[in-house]
């Protein structure tokens, strides 16, 4: 084996190690960003659900009745949820029972 071949191999090994380390760092950064994005979406859904619940309770406390519809909450209590991101399913069972509502994420 000649000296030039040995020097070339000796220079390639650190370069390959550096590329491998860079690839690992890139993988962990991209994985972290994906996790943060998923957390952000579920947190937005939770915030929307809590906003509806607060508005429903506020309506009951101030008017003595549960709101008859989701639109009623928007008009009278200023509830504002991005309906391009979420679907709101609002169901009334009886006047004296708290309405059932669900916030669903619109997949993109």
PDB file of N, CA and C in Angstrom:
ATOM      1  N   UNK A   1       0.850  -1.163   0.000  1.00  0.00           N
ATOM      2  CA  UNK A   1       0.000   0.000   0.000  1.00  0.00           C
ATOM      3  C   UNK A   1       0.901   1.233   0.000  1.00  0.00           C
ATOM      4  N   UNK A   2       0.608   2.169  -0.895  1.00  0.00           N
ATOM      5  CA  UNK A   2       1.467   3.349  -0.935  1.00  0.00           C
ATOM      6  C   UNK A   2       0.955   4.420   0.017  1.00  0.00           C
ATOM      7  N   UNK A   3       1.798   5.436   0.252  1.00  0.00           N
ATOM      8  CA  UNK A   3       1.482   6.463   1.239  1.00  0.00           C
ATOM      9  C   UNK A   3       0.299   7.327   0.816  1.00  0.00           C
ATOM     10  N   UNK A   4       0.112   7.596  -0.460  1.00  0.00           N
ATOM     11  CA  UNK A   4      -0.997   8.448  -0.922  1.00  0.00           C
ATOM     12  C   UNK A   4      -2.351   7.790  -0.648  1.00  0.00           C
ATOM     13  N   UNK A   5      -2.438   6.479  -0.826  1.00  0.00           N
ATOM     14  CA  UNK A   5      -3.674   5.761  -0.576  1.00  0.00           C
ATOM     15  C   UNK A   5      -4.034   5.818   0.905  1.00  0.00           C
ATOM     16  N   UNK A   6      -3.029   5.691   1.757  1.00  0.00           N
ATOM     17  CA  UNK A   6      -3.254   5.740   3.200  1.00  0.00           C
ATOM     18  C   UNK A   6      -3.740   7.137   3.617  1.00  0.00           C
ATOM     19  N   UNK A   7      -3.171   8.181   3.063  1.00  0.00           N
ATOM     20  CA  UNK A   7      -3.563   9.554   3.400  1.00  0.00           C
ATOM     21  C   UNK A   7      -4.991   9.837   2.922  1.00  0.00           C
ATOM     22  N   UNK A   8      -5.347   9.309   1.761  1.00  0.00           N
ATOM     23  CA  UNK A   8      -6.688   9.523   1.242  1.00  0.00           C
ATOM     24  C   UNK A   8      -7.721   8.862   2.149  1.00  0.00           C
ATOM     25  N   UNK A   9      -7.458   7.624   2.576  1.00  0.00           N
ATOM     26  CA  UNK A   9      -8.389   6.942   3.483  1.00  0.00           C
ATOM     27  C   UNK A   9      -8.463   7.659   4.815  1.00  0.00           C
ATOM     28  N   UNK A  10      -7.336   8.145   5.277  1.00  0.00           N
ATOM     29  CA  UNK A  10      -7.289   8.835   6.556  1.00  0.00           C
ATOM     30  C   UNK A  10      -8.094  10.135   6.496  1.00  0.00           C
ATOM     31  N   UNK A  11      -8.171  10.773   5.350  1.00  0.00           N
ATOM     32  CA  UNK A  11      -8.937  11.999   5.192  1.00  0.00           C
ATOM     33  C   UNK A  11     -10.417  11.737   4.974  1.00  0.00           C
ATOM     34  N   UNK A  12     -10.774  10.588   4.453  1.00  0.00           N
ATOM     35  CA  UNK A  12     -12.179  10.258   4.181  1.00  0.00           C
ATOM     36  C   UNK A  12     -12.923   9.882   5.456  1.00  0.00           C
ATOM     37  N   UNK A  13     -12.288   9.174   6.354  1.00  0.00           N
ATOM     38  CA  UNK A  13     -12.949   8.712   7.578  1.00  0.00           C
ATOM     39  C   UNK A  13     -13.474   9.893   8.409  1.00  0.00           C
ATOM     40  N   UNK A  14     -12.676  10.928   8.679  1.00  0.00           N
ATOM     41  CA  UNK A  14     -13.244  12.058   9.431  1.00  0.00           C
ATOM     42  C   UNK A  14     -14.369  12.768   8.665  1.00  0.00           C
ATOM     43  N   UNK A  15     -14.247  12.829   7.355  1.00  0.00           N
ATOM     44  CA  UNK A  15     -15.287  13.455   6.552  1.00  0.00           C
ATOM     45  C   UNK A  15     -16.587  12.664   6.650  1.00  0.00           C
ATOM     46  N   UNK A  16     -16.517  11.346   6.566  1.00  0.00           N
ATOM     47  CA  UNK A  16     -17.705  10.504   6.705  1.00  0.00           C
ATOM     48  C   UNK A  16     -18.309  10.622   8.106  1.00  0.00           C
ATOM     49  N   UNK A  17     -17.463  10.694   9.124  1.00  0.00           N
ATOM     50  CA  UNK A  17     -17.947  10.861  10.496  1.00  0.00           C
ATOM     51  C   UNK A  17     -18.659  12.201  10.645  1.00  0.00           C
ATOM     52  N   UNK A  18     -18.110  13.249  10.059  1.00  0.00           N
ATOM     53  CA  UNK A  18     -18.725  14.572  10.114  1.00  0.00           C
ATOM     54  C   UNK A  18     -20.083  14.573   9.409  1.00  0.00           C
ATOM     55  N   UNK A  19     -20.163  13.934   8.265  1.00  0.00           N
ATOM     56  CA  UNK A  19     -21.430  13.838   7.531  1.00  0.00           C
ATOM     57  C   UNK A  19     -22.461  13.060   8.347  1.00  0.00           C
ATOM     58  N   UNK A  20     -22.040  11.983   8.993  1.00  0.00           N
ATOM     59  CA  UNK A  20     -22.950  11.191   9.812  1.00  0.00           C
ATOM     60  C   UNK A  20     -23.475  12.002  10.998  1.00  0.00           C
ATOM     61  N   UNK A  21     -22.591  12.752  11.639  1.00  0.00           N
ATOM     62  CA  UNK A  21     -23.013  13.592  12.768  1.00  0.00           C
ATOM     63  C   UNK A  21     -23.985  14.661  12.288  1.00  0.00           C
ATOM     64  N   UNK A  22     -23.693  15.289  11.165  1.00  0.00           N
ATOM     65  CA  UNK A  22     -24.577  16.306  10.602  1.00  0.00           C
ATOM     66  C   UNK A  22     -25.951  15.715  10.271  1.00  0.00           C
ATOM     67  N   UNK A  23     -25.969  14.526   9.701  1.00  0.00           N
ATOM     68  CA  UNK A  23     -27.229  13.866   9.353  1.00  0.00           C
ATOM     69  C   UNK A  23     -28.050  13.575  10.611  1.00  0.00           C
ATOM     70  N   UNK A  24     -27.394  13.132  11.678  1.00  0.00           N
ATOM     71  CA  UNK A  24     -28.095  12.868  12.934  1.00  0.00           C
ATOM     72  C   UNK A  24     -28.684  14.151  13.522  1.00  0.00           C
ATOM     73  N   UNK A  25     -27.902  15.214  13.506  1.00  0.00           N
ATOM     74  CA  UNK A  25     -28.389  16.497  14.022  1.00  0.00           C
ATOM     75  C   UNK A  25     -29.586  16.967  13.207  1.00  0.00           C
ATOM     76  N   UNK A  26     -29.504  16.866  11.892  1.00  0.00           N
ATOM     77  CA  UNK A  26     -30.602  17.262  11.024  1.00  0.00           C
ATOM     78  C   UNK A  26     -31.855  16.429  11.307  1.00  0.00           C
ATOM     79  N   UNK A  27     -31.679  15.139  11.506  1.00  0.00           N
ATOM     80  CA  UNK A  27     -32.802  14.249  11.820  1.00  0.00           C
ATOM     81  C   UNK A  27     -33.488  14.676  13.115  1.00  0.00           C
ATOM     82  N   UNK A  28     -32.708  14.940  14.172  1.00  0.00           N
ATOM     83  CA  UNK A  28     -33.296  15.325  15.453  1.00  0.00           C
ATOM     84  C   UNK A  28     -33.987  16.685  15.377  1.00  0.00           C
ATOM     85  N   UNK A  29     -33.433  17.617  14.620  1.00  0.00           N
ATOM     86  CA  UNK A  29     -34.069  18.927  14.468  1.00  0.00           C
ATOM     87  C   UNK A  29     -35.402  18.780  13.740  1.00  0.00           C
ATOM     88  N   UNK A  30     -35.426  18.034  12.638  1.00  0.00           N
ATOM     89  CA  UNK A  30     -36.669  17.855  11.885  1.00  0.00           C
ATOM     90  C   UNK A  30     -37.716  17.101  12.693  1.00  0.00           C
ATOM     91  N   UNK A  31     -37.307  16.107  13.454  1.00  0.00           N
ATOM     92  CA  UNK A  31     -38.228  15.368  14.311  1.00  0.00           C
ATOM     93  C   UNK A  31     -38.808  16.285  15.392  1.00  0.00           C
ATOM     94  N   UNK A  32     -37.963  17.128  15.965  1.00  0.00           N
ATOM     95  CA  UNK A  32     -38.426  18.080  16.979  1.00  0.00           C
ATOM     96  C   UNK A  32     -39.427  19.065  16.408  1.00  0.00           C
ATOM     97  N   UNK A  33     -39.186  19.544  15.201  1.00  0.00           N
ATOM     98  CA  UNK A  33     -40.120  20.475  14.564  1.00  0.00           C
ATOM     99  C   UNK A  33     -41.463  19.808  14.281  1.00  0.00           C
ATOM    100  N   UNK A  34     -41.436  18.566  13.848  1.00  0.00           N
ATOM    101  CA  UNK A  34     -42.689  17.837  13.581  1.00  0.00           C
ATOM    102  C   UNK A  34     -43.472  17.643  14.880  1.00  0.00           C
ATOM    103  N   UNK A  35     -42.788  17.301  15.958  1.00  0.00           N
ATOM    104  CA  UNK A  35     -43.455  17.132  17.255  1.00  0.00           C
ATOM    105  C   UNK A  35     -44.040  18.445  17.749  1.00  0.00           C
ATOM    106  N   UNK A  36     -43.305  19.533  17.568  1.00  0.00           N
ATOM    107  CA  UNK A  36     -43.791  20.848  17.998  1.00  0.00           C
ATOM    108  C   UNK A  36     -45.022  21.243  17.204  1.00  0.00           C
ATOM    109  N   UNK A  37     -45.036  20.938  15.929  1.00  0.00           N
ATOM    110  CA  UNK A  37     -46.190  21.260  15.096  1.00  0.00           C
ATOM    111  C   UNK A  37     -47.421  20.473  15.538  1.00  0.00           C
ATOM    112  N   UNK A  38     -47.242  19.192  15.812  1.00  0.00           N
ATOM    113  CA  UNK A  38     -48.364  18.356  16.264  1.00  0.00           C
ATOM    114  C   UNK A  38     -48.884  18.841  17.614  1.00  0.00           C
ATOM    115  N   UNK A  39     -47.991  19.240  18.499  1.00  0.00           N
ATOM    116  CA  UNK A  39     -48.393  19.758  19.800  1.00  0.00           C
ATOM    117  C   UNK A  39     -49.171  21.055  19.647  1.00  0.00           C
ATOM    118  N   UNK A  40     -48.736  21.891  18.728  1.00  0.00           N
ATOM    119  CA  UNK A  40     -49.409  23.166  18.482  1.00  0.00           C
ATOM    120  C   UNK A  40     -50.833  22.953  17.989  1.00  0.00           C
ATOM    121  N   UNK A  41     -51.033  21.999  17.099  1.00  0.00           N
ATOM    122  CA  UNK A  41     -52.370  21.720  16.567  1.00  0.00           C
ATOM    123  C   UNK A  41     -53.287  21.205  17.677  1.00  0.00           C
ATOM    124  N   UNK A  42     -52.820  20.273  18.480  1.00  0.00           N
ATOM    125  CA  UNK A  42     -53.674  19.734  19.549  1.00  0.00           C
ATOM    126  C   UNK A  42     -53.925  20.782  20.629  1.00  0.00           C
ATOM    127  N   UNK A  43     -52.976  21.665  20.869  1.00  0.00           N
ATOM    128  CA  UNK A  43     -53.167  22.731  21.845  1.00  0.00           C
ATOM    129  C   UNK A  43     -54.219  23.720  21.342  1.00  0.00           C
ATOM    130  N   UNK A  44     -54.211  24.016  20.060  1.00  0.00           N
ATOM    131  CA  UNK A  44     -55.227  24.889  19.477  1.00  0.00           C
ATOM    132  C   UNK A  44     -56.618  24.298  19.614  1.00  0.00           C
ATOM    133  N   UNK A  45     -56.733  23.005  19.423  1.00  0.00           N
ATOM    134  CA  UNK A  45     -58.018  22.313  19.577  1.00  0.00           C
ATOM    135  C   UNK A  45     -58.497  22.403  21.029  1.00  0.00           C
ATOM    136  N   UNK A  46     -57.596  22.203  21.964  1.00  0.00           N
ATOM    137  CA  UNK A  46     -57.946  22.280  23.383  1.00  0.00           C
ATOM    138  C   UNK A  46     -58.397  23.690  23.763  1.00  0.00           C
ATOM    139  N   UNK A  47     -57.715  24.691  23.243  1.00  0.00           N
ATOM    140  CA  UNK A  47     -58.077  26.080  23.519  1.00  0.00           C
ATOM    141  C   UNK A  47     -59.465  26.393  22.952  1.00  0.00           C
ATOM    142  N   UNK A  48     -59.757  25.907  21.748  1.00  0.00           N
ATOM    143  CA  UNK A  48     -61.069  26.124  21.145  1.00  0.00           C
ATOM    144  C   UNK A  48     -62.168  25.479  22.000  1.00  0.00           C
ATOM    145  N   UNK A  49     -61.934  24.255  22.466  1.00  0.00           N
ATOM    146  CA  UNK A  49     -62.920  23.574  23.313  1.00  0.00           C
ATOM    147  C   UNK A  49     -63.156  24.335  24.613  1.00  0.00           C
ATOM    148  N   UNK A  50     -62.069  24.811  25.224  1.00  0.00           N
ATOM    149  CA  UNK A  50     -62.206  25.569  26.471  1.00  0.00           C
ATOM    150  C   UNK A  50     -62.937  26.895  26.248  1.00  0.00           C
ATOM    151  N   UNK A  51     -62.716  27.529  25.111  1.00  0.00           N
ATOM    152  CA  UNK A  51     -63.405  28.787  24.797  1.00  0.00           C
ATOM    153  C   UNK A  51     -64.905  28.572  24.671  1.00  0.00           C
ATOM    154  N   UNK A  52     -65.295  27.506  24.000  1.00  0.00           N
ATOM    155  CA  UNK A  52     -66.723  27.196  23.863  1.00  0.00           C
ATOM    156  C   UNK A  52     -67.327  26.894  25.227  1.00  0.00           C
ATOM    157  N   UNK A  53     -66.635  26.107  26.024  1.00  0.00           N
ATOM    158  CA  UNK A  53     -67.146  25.750  27.346  1.00  0.00           C
ATOM    159  C   UNK A  53     -67.327  26.993  28.216  1.00  0.00           C
ATOM    160  N   UNK A  54     -66.348  27.903  28.187  1.00  0.00           N
ATOM    161  CA  UNK A  54     -66.468  29.134  28.963  1.00  0.00           C
ATOM    162  C   UNK A  54     -67.663  29.969  28.498  1.00  0.00           C
ATOM    163  N   UNK A  55     -67.840  30.070  27.182  1.00  0.00           N
ATOM    164  CA  UNK A  55     -68.963  30.852  26.650  1.00  0.00           C
ATOM    165  C   UNK A  55     -70.297  30.220  27.037  1.00  0.00           C
ATOM    166  N   UNK A  56     -70.391  28.901  26.987  1.00  0.00           N
ATOM    167  CA  UNK A  56     -71.633  28.204  27.374  1.00  0.00           C
ATOM    168  C   UNK A  56     -71.938  28.460  28.842  1.00  0.00           C
ATOM    169  N   UNK A  57     -70.937  28.333  29.690  1.00  0.00           N
ATOM    170  CA  UNK A  57     -71.138  28.546  31.132  1.00  0.00           C
ATOM    171  C   UNK A  57     -71.477  30.008  31.415  1.00  0.00           C
ATOM    172  N   UNK A  58     -70.812  30.918  30.727  1.00  0.00           N
ATOM    173  CA  UNK A  58     -71.092  32.339  30.894  1.00  0.00           C
ATOM    174  C   UNK A  58     -72.533  32.658  30.496  1.00  0.00           C
ATOM    175  N   UNK A  59     -72.990  32.076  29.402  1.00  0.00           N
ATOM    176  CA  UNK A  59     -74.378  32.261  28.951  1.00  0.00           C
ATOM    177  C   UNK A  59     -75.354  31.748  30.004  1.00  0.00           C
ATOM    178  N   UNK A  60     -75.086  30.569  30.533  1.00  0.00           N
ATOM    179  CA  UNK A  60     -75.982  29.990  31.546  1.00  0.00           C
ATOM    180  C   UNK A  60     -76.006  30.853  32.806  1.00  0.00           C
ATOM    181  N   UNK A  61     -74.849  31.353  33.204  1.00  0.00           N
ATOM    182  CA  UNK A  61     -74.771  32.166  34.416  1.00  0.00           C
ATOM    183  C   UNK A  61     -75.475  33.508  34.240  1.00  0.00           C
ATOM    184  N   UNK A  62     -75.372  34.103  33.079  1.00  0.00           N
ATOM    185  CA  UNK A  62     -75.957  35.434  32.897  1.00  0.00           C
ATOM    186  C   UNK A  62     -77.416  35.392  32.427  1.00  0.00           C
ATOM    187  N   UNK A  63     -77.815  34.389  31.680  1.00  0.00           N
ATOM    188  CA  UNK A  63     -79.175  34.346  31.132  1.00  0.00           C
ATOM    189  C   UNK A  63     -80.058  33.273  31.762  1.00  0.00           C
ATOM    190  N   UNK A  64     -79.465  32.364  32.509  1.00  0.00           N
ATOM    191  CA  UNK A  64     -80.254  31.310  33.140  1.00  0.00           C
ATOM    192  C   UNK A  64     -80.667  30.198  32.192  1.00  0.00           C
ATOM    193  N   UNK A  65     -80.061  30.172  31.020  1.00  0.00           N
ATOM    194  CA  UNK A  65     -80.351  29.107  30.043  1.00  0.00           C
ATOM    195  C   UNK A  65     -79.071  28.808  29.268  1.00  0.00           C
ATOM    196  N   UNK A  66     -79.024  27.611  28.749  1.00  0.00           N
ATOM    197  CA  UNK A  66     -77.884  27.266  27.898  1.00  0.00           C
ATOM    198  C   UNK A  66     -78.123  27.849  26.507  1.00  0.00           C
ATOM    199  N   UNK A  67     -77.073  28.180  25.798  1.00  0.00           N
ATOM    200  CA  UNK A  67     -77.244  28.763  24.460  1.00  0.00           C
ATOM    201  C   UNK A  67     -77.906  27.770  23.505  1.00  0.00           C
ATOM    202  N   UNK A  68     -78.843  28.245  22.699  1.00  0.00           N
ATOM    203  CA  UNK A  68     -79.560  27.339  21.804  1.00  0.00           C
ATOM    204  C   UNK A  68     -78.742  26.858  20.607  1.00  0.00           C
ATOM    205  N   UNK A  69     -77.656  27.576  20.291  1.00  0.00           N
ATOM    206  CA  UNK A  69     -76.843  27.157  19.148  1.00  0.00           C
ATOM    207  C   UNK A  69     -75.432  27.745  19.256  1.00  0.00           C
ATOM    208  N   UNK A  70     -74.568  27.204  18.454  1.00  0.00           N
ATOM    209  CA  UNK A  70     -73.196  27.729  18.367  1.00  0.00           C
ATOM    210  C   UNK A  70     -73.218  29.154  17.801  1.00  0.00           C
ATOM    211  N   UNK A  71     -74.102  29.415  16.852  1.00  0.00           N
ATOM    212  CA  UNK A  71     -74.218  30.749  16.259  1.00  0.00           C
ATOM    213  C   UNK A  71     -74.632  31.774  17.314  1.00  0.00           C
ATOM    214  N   UNK A  72     -75.471  31.358  18.250  1.00  0.00           N
ATOM    215  CA  UNK A  72     -75.893  32.237  19.345  1.00  0.00           C
ATOM    216  C   UNK A  72     -74.679  32.666  20.165  1.00  0.00           C
ATOM    217  N   UNK A  73     -73.779  31.736  20.423  1.00  0.00           N
ATOM    218  CA  UNK A  73     -72.555  32.064  21.167  1.00  0.00           C
ATOM    219  C   UNK A  73     -71.690  33.061  20.393  1.00  0.00           C
ATOM    220  N   UNK A  74     -71.607  32.865  19.092  1.00  0.00           N
ATOM    221  CA  UNK A  74     -70.805  33.782  18.275  1.00  0.00           C
ATOM    222  C   UNK A  74     -71.398  35.184  18.284  1.00  0.00           C
ATOM    223  N   UNK A  75     -72.724  35.270  18.158  1.00  0.00           N
ATOM    224  CA  UNK A  75     -73.388  36.579  18.087  1.00  0.00           C
ATOM    225  C   UNK A  75     -73.405  37.318  19.420  1.00  0.00           C
ATOM    226  N   UNK A  76     -73.749  36.611  20.503  1.00  0.00           N
ATOM    227  CA  UNK A  76     -73.983  37.276  21.785  1.00  0.00           C
ATOM    228  C   UNK A  76     -72.788  37.267  22.735  1.00  0.00           C
ATOM    229  N   UNK A  77     -71.860  36.365  22.537  1.00  0.00           N
ATOM    230  CA  UNK A  77     -70.742  36.256  23.476  1.00  0.00           C
ATOM    231  C   UNK A  77     -69.379  36.422  22.810  1.00  0.00           C
ATOM    232  N   UNK A  78     -69.377  36.811  21.554  1.00  0.00           N
ATOM    233  CA  UNK A  78     -68.123  37.120  20.865  1.00  0.00           C
ATOM    234  C   UNK A  78     -67.195  35.936  20.673  1.00  0.00           C
ATOM    235  N   UNK A  79     -67.753  34.752  20.681  1.00  0.00           N
ATOM    236  CA  UNK A  79     -66.928  33.562  20.479  1.00  0.00           C
ATOM    237  C   UNK A  79     -66.390  33.562  19.055  1.00  0.00           C
ATOM    238  N   UNK A  80     -65.096  33.406  18.935  1.00  0.00           N
ATOM    239  CA  UNK A  80     -64.464  33.445  17.613  1.00  0.00           C
ATOM    240  C   UNK A  80     -63.462  32.297  17.502  1.00  0.00           C
ATOM    241  N   UNK A  81     -63.829  31.318  16.700  1.00  0.00           N
ATOM    242  CA  UNK A  81     -62.953  30.165  16.463  1.00  0.00           C
ATOM    243  C   UNK A  81     -62.744  30.058  14.964  1.00  0.00           C
ATOM    244  N   UNK A  82     -61.520  29.804  14.572  1.00  0.00           N
ATOM    245  CA  UNK A  82     -61.175  29.719  13.154  1.00  0.00           C
ATOM    246  C   UNK A  82     -61.847  28.486  12.540  1.00  0.00           C
ATOM    247  N   UNK A  83     -62.912  28.726  11.793  1.00  0.00           N
ATOM    248  CA  UNK A  83     -63.664  27.623  11.210  1.00  0.00           C
ATOM    249  C   UNK A  83     -63.016  27.080   9.945  1.00  0.00           C
ATOM    250  N   UNK A  84     -61.890  27.637   9.548  1.00  0.00           N
ATOM    251  CA  UNK A  84     -61.091  27.059   8.468  1.00  0.00           C
ATOM    252  C   UNK A  84     -60.176  25.956   9.004  1.00  0.00           C
ATOM    253  N   UNK A  85     -59.939  25.977  10.308  1.00  0.00           N
ATOM    254  CA  UNK A  85     -59.086  24.969  10.947  1.00  0.00           C
ATOM    255  C   UNK A  85     -59.887  23.911  11.692  1.00  0.00           C
ATOM    256  N   UNK A  86     -61.068  24.300  12.202  1.00  0.00           N
ATOM    257  CA  UNK A  86     -61.832  23.410  13.066  1.00  0.00           C
ATOM    258  C   UNK A  86     -63.289  23.303  12.618  1.00  0.00           C
ATOM    259  N   UNK A  87     -63.871  22.151  12.857  1.00  0.00           N
ATOM    260  CA  UNK A  87     -65.303  21.941  12.673  1.00  0.00           C
ATOM    261  C   UNK A  87     -65.900  21.840  14.072  1.00  0.00           C
ATOM    262  N   UNK A  88     -66.938  22.629  14.327  1.00  0.00           N
ATOM    263  CA  UNK A  88     -67.586  22.623  15.627  1.00  0.00           C
ATOM    264  C   UNK A  88     -68.905  21.858  15.502  1.00  0.00           C
ATOM    265  N   UNK A  89     -69.036  20.808  16.302  1.00  0.00           N
ATOM    266  CA  UNK A  89     -70.279  20.022  16.333  1.00  0.00           C
ATOM    267  C   UNK A  89     -70.944  20.330  17.670  1.00  0.00           C
ATOM    268  N   UNK A  90     -72.076  21.004  17.635  1.00  0.00           N
ATOM    269  CA  UNK A  90     -72.780  21.494  18.820  1.00  0.00           C
ATOM    270  C   UNK A  90     -74.152  20.839  18.873  1.00  0.00           C
ATOM    271  N   UNK A  91     -74.413  20.068  19.935  1.00  0.00           N
ATOM    272  CA  UNK A  91     -75.661  19.322  20.047  1.00  0.00           C
ATOM    273  C   UNK A  91     -76.359  19.659  21.368  1.00  0.00           C
ATOM    274  N   UNK A  92     -77.660  19.934  21.261  1.00  0.00           N
ATOM    275  CA  UNK A  92     -78.452  20.212  22.450  1.00  0.00           C
ATOM    276  C   UNK A  92     -79.339  18.996  22.730  1.00  0.00           C
ATOM    277  N   UNK A  93     -79.262  18.499  23.958  1.00  0.00           N
ATOM    278  CA  UNK A  93     -80.072  17.347  24.355  1.00  0.00           C
ATOM    279  C   UNK A  93     -81.375  17.813  24.991  1.00  0.00           C
ATOM    280  N   UNK A  94     -81.246  18.744  25.942  1.00  0.00           N
ATOM    281  CA  UNK A  94     -82.410  19.314  26.617  1.00  0.00           C
ATOM    282  C   UNK A  94     -82.039  20.716  27.088  1.00  0.00           C
ATOM    283  N   UNK A  95     -83.046  21.544  27.363  1.00  0.00           N
ATOM    284  CA  UNK A  95     -82.773  22.917  27.746  1.00  0.00           C
ATOM    285  C   UNK A  95     -82.022  23.041  29.062  1.00  0.00           C
ATOM    286  N   UNK A  96     -82.226  22.107  29.970  1.00  0.00           N
ATOM    287  CA  UNK A  96     -81.613  22.208  31.289  1.00  0.00           C
ATOM    288  C   UNK A  96     -80.333  21.374  31.432  1.00  0.00           C
ATOM    289  N   UNK A  97     -79.839  20.824  30.331  1.00  0.00           N
ATOM    290  CA  UNK A  97     -78.605  20.035  30.343  1.00  0.00           C
ATOM    291  C   UNK A  97     -77.584  20.722  29.444  1.00  0.00           C
ATOM    292  N   UNK A  98     -76.369  20.792  29.940  1.00  0.00           N
ATOM    293  CA  UNK A  98     -75.317  21.462  29.182  1.00  0.00           C
ATOM    294  C   UNK A  98     -75.159  20.826  27.800  1.00  0.00           C
ATOM    295  N   UNK A  99     -75.089  21.649  26.769  1.00  0.00           N
ATOM    296  CA  UNK A  99     -74.940  21.116  25.398  1.00  0.00           C
ATOM    297  C   UNK A  99     -73.644  20.317  25.254  1.00  0.00           C
ATOM    298  N   UNK A 100     -73.688  19.397  24.335  1.00  0.00           N
ATOM    299  CA  UNK A 100     -72.500  18.612  24.003  1.00  0.00           C
ATOM    300  C   UNK A 100     -71.864  19.252  22.777  1.00  0.00           C
ATOM    301  N   UNK A 101     -70.568  19.488  22.840  1.00  0.00           N
ATOM    302  CA  UNK A 101     -69.882  20.064  21.689  1.00  0.00           C
ATOM    303  C   UNK A 101     -68.556  19.367  21.484  1.00  0.00           C
ATOM    304  N   UNK A 102     -68.169  19.300  20.247  1.00  0.00           N
ATOM    305  CA  UNK A 102     -66.915  18.667  19.858  1.00  0.00           C
ATOM    306  C   UNK A 102     -66.204  19.568  18.868  1.00  0.00           C
ATOM    307  N   UNK A 103     -64.903  19.705  19.029  1.00  0.00           N
ATOM    308  CA  UNK A 103     -64.084  20.469  18.097  1.00  0.00           C
ATOM    309  C   UNK A 103     -63.212  19.467  17.350  1.00  0.00           C
ATOM    310  N   UNK A 104     -63.382  19.425  16.044  1.00  0.00           N
ATOM    311  CA  UNK A 104     -62.610  18.513  15.200  1.00  0.00           C
ATOM    312  C   UNK A 104     -61.641  19.312  14.345  1.00  0.00           C
ATOM    313  N   UNK A 105     -60.458  18.779  14.167  1.00  0.00           N
ATOM    314  CA  UNK A 105     -59.441  19.434  13.340  1.00  0.00           C
ATOM    315  C   UNK A 105     -59.673  19.072  11.881  1.00  0.00           C
ATOM    316  N   UNK A 106     -59.649  20.079  11.025  1.00  0.00           N
ATOM    317  CA  UNK A 106     -59.762  19.835   9.592  1.00  0.00           C
ATOM    318  C   UNK A 106     -58.378  19.440   9.080  1.00  0.00           C
ATOM    319  N   UNK A 107     -58.270  18.247   8.544  1.00  0.00           N
ATOM    320  CA  UNK A 107     -56.999  17.748   8.020  1.00  0.00           C
ATOM    321  C   UNK A 107     -56.639  18.477   6.740  1.00  0.00           C
ATOM    322  N   UNK A 108     -55.400  18.774   6.565  1.00  0.00           N
ATOM    323  CA  UNK A 108     -54.930  19.445   5.340  1.00  0.00           C
ATOM    324  C   UNK A 108     -53.932  18.597   4.648  1.00  0.00           C
TER     325      UNK A 108
END
